[in-house]
Amino acid sequence: MINNQKEVVLEFNLPGFKREDINVKLSRNSVVIKARRKYKNKIQKKDFFHVEKSSRMFNYATTLPKINPDKAKIEFKGGVLRIKAPKE
């Protein structure tokens, strides 16, 4: 976390997740991030059947200095979630 006089910046490496897997809730003094990714691979042939399932989860919550959540910028690129929020 970068916490300077003007803003708070948070970065999280979330490889393997897609944007739609991630839920971010910002308030004036906290952030809650939840991510869940389910994977299922099914191979079925005449004499062979294989099912592979996996699930990944990420949860993070912390208090923040007073920020303005309405002006926060959230971006997800290349497996990195970046939250940039100006302080009040």
N, C-alpha and C. Protein backbone atom coordinates (compact mmCIF):
# COMPACT_ATOMS: atom_id res chain seq x y z
N MET A 1 0.85 -1.18 0.00
CA MET A 1 0.00 0.00 0.00
C MET A 1 0.89 1.23 0.00
N ILE A 2 0.56 2.15 -0.87
CA ILE A 2 1.22 3.45 -0.90
C ILE A 2 0.25 4.45 -0.29
N ASN A 3 0.69 5.14 0.74
CA ASN A 3 -0.17 6.07 1.46
C ASN A 3 0.58 7.40 1.55
N ASN A 4 0.25 8.33 0.63
CA ASN A 4 0.90 9.63 0.70
C ASN A 4 -0.13 10.70 1.06
N GLN A 5 0.21 11.95 0.95
CA GLN A 5 -0.69 13.02 1.39
C GLN A 5 -1.94 13.15 0.53
N LYS A 6 -1.86 12.77 -0.74
CA LYS A 6 -2.98 12.97 -1.65
C LYS A 6 -3.85 11.75 -1.88
N GLU A 7 -3.25 10.55 -1.83
CA GLU A 7 -4.00 9.37 -2.22
C GLU A 7 -3.48 8.11 -1.54
N VAL A 8 -4.28 7.05 -1.71
CA VAL A 8 -3.92 5.71 -1.27
C VAL A 8 -3.94 4.82 -2.51
N VAL A 9 -2.88 4.04 -2.68
CA VAL A 9 -2.79 3.14 -3.83
C VAL A 9 -2.55 1.73 -3.31
N LEU A 10 -3.38 0.79 -3.77
CA LEU A 10 -3.25 -0.61 -3.39
C LEU A 10 -3.04 -1.43 -4.66
N GLU A 11 -2.13 -2.40 -4.61
CA GLU A 11 -1.90 -3.29 -5.74
C GLU A 11 -1.91 -4.74 -5.26
N PHE A 12 -2.57 -5.59 -6.05
CA PHE A 12 -2.67 -7.01 -5.72
C PHE A 12 -2.38 -7.81 -6.98
N ASN A 13 -1.52 -8.80 -6.87
CA ASN A 13 -1.27 -9.73 -7.97
C ASN A 13 -2.29 -10.85 -7.88
N LEU A 14 -3.11 -10.96 -8.91
CA LEU A 14 -4.16 -11.98 -8.94
C LEU A 14 -4.08 -12.77 -10.25
N PRO A 15 -2.99 -13.49 -10.48
CA PRO A 15 -2.87 -14.23 -11.73
C PRO A 15 -3.91 -15.35 -11.81
N GLY A 16 -4.42 -15.56 -13.01
CA GLY A 16 -5.41 -16.62 -13.21
C GLY A 16 -6.84 -16.17 -13.02
N PHE A 17 -7.06 -14.99 -12.44
CA PHE A 17 -8.40 -14.47 -12.26
C PHE A 17 -8.78 -13.58 -13.44
N LYS A 18 -10.07 -13.49 -13.70
CA LYS A 18 -10.62 -12.56 -14.69
C LYS A 18 -11.30 -11.43 -13.94
N ARG A 19 -11.54 -10.33 -14.62
CA ARG A 19 -12.18 -9.16 -13.98
C ARG A 19 -13.53 -9.52 -13.38
N GLU A 20 -14.29 -10.35 -14.07
CA GLU A 20 -15.62 -10.70 -13.57
C GLU A 20 -15.58 -11.61 -12.33
N ASP A 21 -14.41 -12.16 -12.01
CA ASP A 21 -14.25 -12.99 -10.82
C ASP A 21 -14.02 -12.16 -9.55
N ILE A 22 -13.76 -10.85 -9.72
CA ILE A 22 -13.30 -10.00 -8.62
C ILE A 22 -14.38 -9.02 -8.19
N ASN A 23 -14.59 -8.91 -6.88
CA ASN A 23 -15.56 -7.99 -6.30
C ASN A 23 -14.82 -7.06 -5.33
N VAL A 24 -14.90 -5.75 -5.59
CA VAL A 24 -14.23 -4.76 -4.74
C VAL A 24 -15.29 -3.87 -4.11
N LYS A 25 -15.24 -3.73 -2.79
CA LYS A 25 -16.14 -2.83 -2.07
C LYS A 25 -15.29 -1.80 -1.33
N LEU A 26 -15.48 -0.55 -1.70
CA LEU A 26 -14.76 0.54 -1.06
C LEU A 26 -15.72 1.39 -0.25
N SER A 27 -15.29 1.79 0.92
CA SER A 27 -16.05 2.76 1.71
C SER A 27 -15.09 3.86 2.11
N ARG A 28 -15.54 4.82 2.88
CA ARG A 28 -14.68 5.94 3.26
C ARG A 28 -13.44 5.51 4.03
N ASN A 29 -13.52 4.39 4.73
CA ASN A 29 -12.35 4.00 5.53
C ASN A 29 -12.00 2.51 5.45
N SER A 30 -12.47 1.81 4.43
CA SER A 30 -12.12 0.39 4.33
C SER A 30 -12.23 -0.10 2.88
N VAL A 31 -11.59 -1.24 2.66
CA VAL A 31 -11.68 -1.92 1.38
C VAL A 31 -11.84 -3.41 1.66
N VAL A 32 -12.71 -4.06 0.88
CA VAL A 32 -12.90 -5.50 0.95
C VAL A 32 -12.81 -6.02 -0.48
N ILE A 33 -11.93 -6.99 -0.68
CA ILE A 33 -11.74 -7.58 -2.01
C ILE A 33 -11.98 -9.08 -1.88
N LYS A 34 -12.84 -9.59 -2.76
CA LYS A 34 -13.11 -11.02 -2.80
C LYS A 34 -13.01 -11.46 -4.26
N ALA A 35 -12.32 -12.56 -4.47
CA ALA A 35 -12.18 -13.10 -5.81
C ALA A 35 -12.35 -14.61 -5.74
N ARG A 36 -13.06 -15.15 -6.72
CA ARG A 36 -13.25 -16.59 -6.77
C ARG A 36 -13.28 -17.03 -8.22
N ARG A 37 -12.51 -18.05 -8.50
CA ARG A 37 -12.41 -18.58 -9.86
C ARG A 37 -12.65 -20.07 -9.82
N LYS A 38 -13.61 -20.54 -10.59
CA LYS A 38 -13.88 -21.98 -10.70
C LYS A 38 -13.46 -22.45 -12.08
N TYR A 39 -12.91 -23.64 -12.11
CA TYR A 39 -12.43 -24.22 -13.35
C TYR A 39 -12.93 -25.65 -13.44
N LYS A 40 -13.42 -26.02 -14.62
CA LYS A 40 -13.87 -27.39 -14.83
C LYS A 40 -13.50 -27.80 -16.24
N ASN A 41 -12.85 -28.93 -16.36
CA ASN A 41 -12.46 -29.48 -17.65
C ASN A 41 -13.00 -30.90 -17.73
N LYS A 42 -13.71 -31.18 -18.80
CA LYS A 42 -14.34 -32.48 -18.95
C LYS A 42 -13.94 -33.06 -20.30
N ILE A 43 -13.39 -34.26 -20.27
CA ILE A 43 -13.03 -34.97 -21.50
C ILE A 43 -13.77 -36.30 -21.50
N GLN A 44 -14.51 -36.51 -22.57
CA GLN A 44 -15.28 -37.75 -22.67
C GLN A 44 -15.07 -38.34 -24.06
N LYS A 45 -14.58 -39.57 -24.07
CA LYS A 45 -14.39 -40.31 -25.31
C LYS A 45 -15.11 -41.64 -25.19
N LYS A 46 -15.03 -42.43 -26.22
CA LYS A 46 -15.75 -43.70 -26.24
C LYS A 46 -15.44 -44.58 -25.02
N ASP A 47 -14.18 -44.72 -24.69
CA ASP A 47 -13.80 -45.59 -23.57
C ASP A 47 -13.05 -44.86 -22.46
N PHE A 48 -13.23 -43.55 -22.40
CA PHE A 48 -12.46 -42.76 -21.43
C PHE A 48 -13.30 -41.56 -20.98
N PHE A 49 -13.28 -41.30 -19.67
CA PHE A 49 -13.99 -40.15 -19.11
C PHE A 49 -13.11 -39.52 -18.04
N HIS A 50 -12.90 -38.21 -18.15
CA HIS A 50 -12.04 -37.51 -17.19
C HIS A 50 -12.67 -36.16 -16.86
N VAL A 51 -12.78 -35.86 -15.56
CA VAL A 51 -13.29 -34.57 -15.10
C VAL A 51 -12.26 -33.98 -14.14
N GLU A 52 -11.93 -32.72 -14.39
CA GLU A 52 -10.97 -32.03 -13.54
C GLU A 52 -11.64 -30.75 -13.06
N LYS A 53 -11.65 -30.55 -11.74
CA LYS A 53 -12.25 -29.36 -11.15
C LYS A 53 -11.26 -28.71 -10.20
N SER A 54 -11.30 -27.38 -10.18
CA SER A 54 -10.51 -26.67 -9.20
C SER A 54 -11.19 -25.35 -8.89
N SER A 55 -10.81 -24.78 -7.77
CA SER A 55 -11.39 -23.51 -7.34
C SER A 55 -10.30 -22.71 -6.62
N ARG A 56 -10.23 -21.42 -6.91
CA ARG A 56 -9.27 -20.53 -6.26
C ARG A 56 -10.04 -19.39 -5.61
N MET A 57 -9.58 -19.00 -4.43
CA MET A 57 -10.21 -17.89 -3.73
C MET A 57 -9.15 -16.93 -3.22
N PHE A 58 -9.54 -15.65 -3.16
CA PHE A 58 -8.70 -14.61 -2.59
C PHE A 58 -9.60 -13.68 -1.81
N ASN A 59 -9.27 -13.41 -0.57
CA ASN A 59 -10.02 -12.48 0.28
C ASN A 59 -9.05 -11.53 0.96
N TYR A 60 -9.42 -10.26 0.99
CA TYR A 60 -8.58 -9.25 1.64
C TYR A 60 -9.49 -8.15 2.18
N ALA A 61 -9.22 -7.72 3.38
CA ALA A 61 -9.97 -6.60 3.98
C ALA A 61 -9.02 -5.82 4.89
N THR A 62 -9.15 -4.50 4.84
CA THR A 62 -8.32 -3.66 5.70
C THR A 62 -8.99 -2.30 5.88
N THR A 63 -8.57 -1.62 6.92
CA THR A 63 -9.02 -0.24 7.11
C THR A 63 -8.07 0.68 6.35
N LEU A 64 -8.60 1.82 5.94
CA LEU A 64 -7.84 2.81 5.18
C LEU A 64 -7.97 4.16 5.84
N PRO A 65 -7.07 5.08 5.51
CA PRO A 65 -7.31 6.47 5.91
C PRO A 65 -8.56 6.95 5.18
N LYS A 66 -9.16 8.02 5.60
CA LYS A 66 -10.40 8.49 4.96
C LYS A 66 -10.15 8.84 3.49
N ILE A 67 -10.87 8.11 2.62
CA ILE A 67 -10.76 8.31 1.18
C ILE A 67 -12.12 8.71 0.61
N ASN A 68 -12.11 9.10 -0.66
CA ASN A 68 -13.36 9.38 -1.37
C ASN A 68 -13.61 8.22 -2.32
N PRO A 69 -14.47 7.25 -1.95
CA PRO A 69 -14.68 6.07 -2.79
C PRO A 69 -15.34 6.40 -4.12
N ASP A 70 -16.07 7.51 -4.21
CA ASP A 70 -16.73 7.87 -5.46
C ASP A 70 -15.74 8.30 -6.54
N LYS A 71 -14.56 8.74 -6.15
CA LYS A 71 -13.54 9.18 -7.10
C LYS A 71 -12.41 8.17 -7.27
N ALA A 72 -12.56 7.00 -6.68
CA ALA A 72 -11.54 5.96 -6.78
C ALA A 72 -11.50 5.37 -8.18
N LYS A 73 -10.32 4.97 -8.59
CA LYS A 73 -10.13 4.33 -9.89
C LYS A 73 -9.66 2.90 -9.63
N ILE A 74 -10.37 1.95 -10.23
CA ILE A 74 -10.04 0.54 -10.08
C ILE A 74 -9.76 -0.01 -11.47
N GLU A 75 -8.59 -0.62 -11.63
CA GLU A 75 -8.27 -1.23 -12.92
C GLU A 75 -7.66 -2.60 -12.69
N PHE A 76 -7.88 -3.47 -13.67
CA PHE A 76 -7.34 -4.83 -13.61
C PHE A 76 -6.72 -5.13 -14.97
N LYS A 77 -5.40 -5.20 -14.99
CA LYS A 77 -4.66 -5.47 -16.23
C LYS A 77 -3.55 -6.46 -15.95
N GLY A 78 -3.41 -7.43 -16.81
CA GLY A 78 -2.30 -8.37 -16.71
C GLY A 78 -2.21 -9.10 -15.39
N GLY A 79 -3.35 -9.38 -14.77
CA GLY A 79 -3.37 -10.09 -13.49
C GLY A 79 -3.08 -9.23 -12.28
N VAL A 80 -3.03 -7.89 -12.48
CA VAL A 80 -2.75 -6.98 -11.36
C VAL A 80 -3.96 -6.07 -11.13
N LEU A 81 -4.50 -6.12 -9.92
CA LEU A 81 -5.59 -5.24 -9.51
C LEU A 81 -4.98 -4.02 -8.86
N ARG A 82 -5.34 -2.84 -9.36
CA ARG A 82 -4.80 -1.58 -8.82
C ARG A 82 -5.96 -0.68 -8.44
N ILE A 83 -5.96 -0.23 -7.18
CA ILE A 83 -6.98 0.68 -6.65
C ILE A 83 -6.28 1.97 -6.26
N LYS A 84 -6.76 3.07 -6.82
CA LYS A 84 -6.17 4.38 -6.54
C LYS A 84 -7.30 5.28 -6.06
N ALA A 85 -7.22 5.74 -4.81
CA ALA A 85 -8.31 6.54 -4.21
C ALA A 85 -7.75 7.79 -3.58
N PRO A 86 -8.34 8.96 -3.94
CA PRO A 86 -7.89 10.21 -3.33
C PRO A 86 -8.35 10.30 -1.87
N LYS A 87 -7.52 10.92 -1.07
CA LYS A 87 -7.90 11.14 0.33
C LYS A 87 -8.87 12.32 0.43
N GLU A 88 -9.67 12.30 1.47
CA GLU A 88 -10.60 13.42 1.71
C GLU A 88 -9.88 14.55 2.38
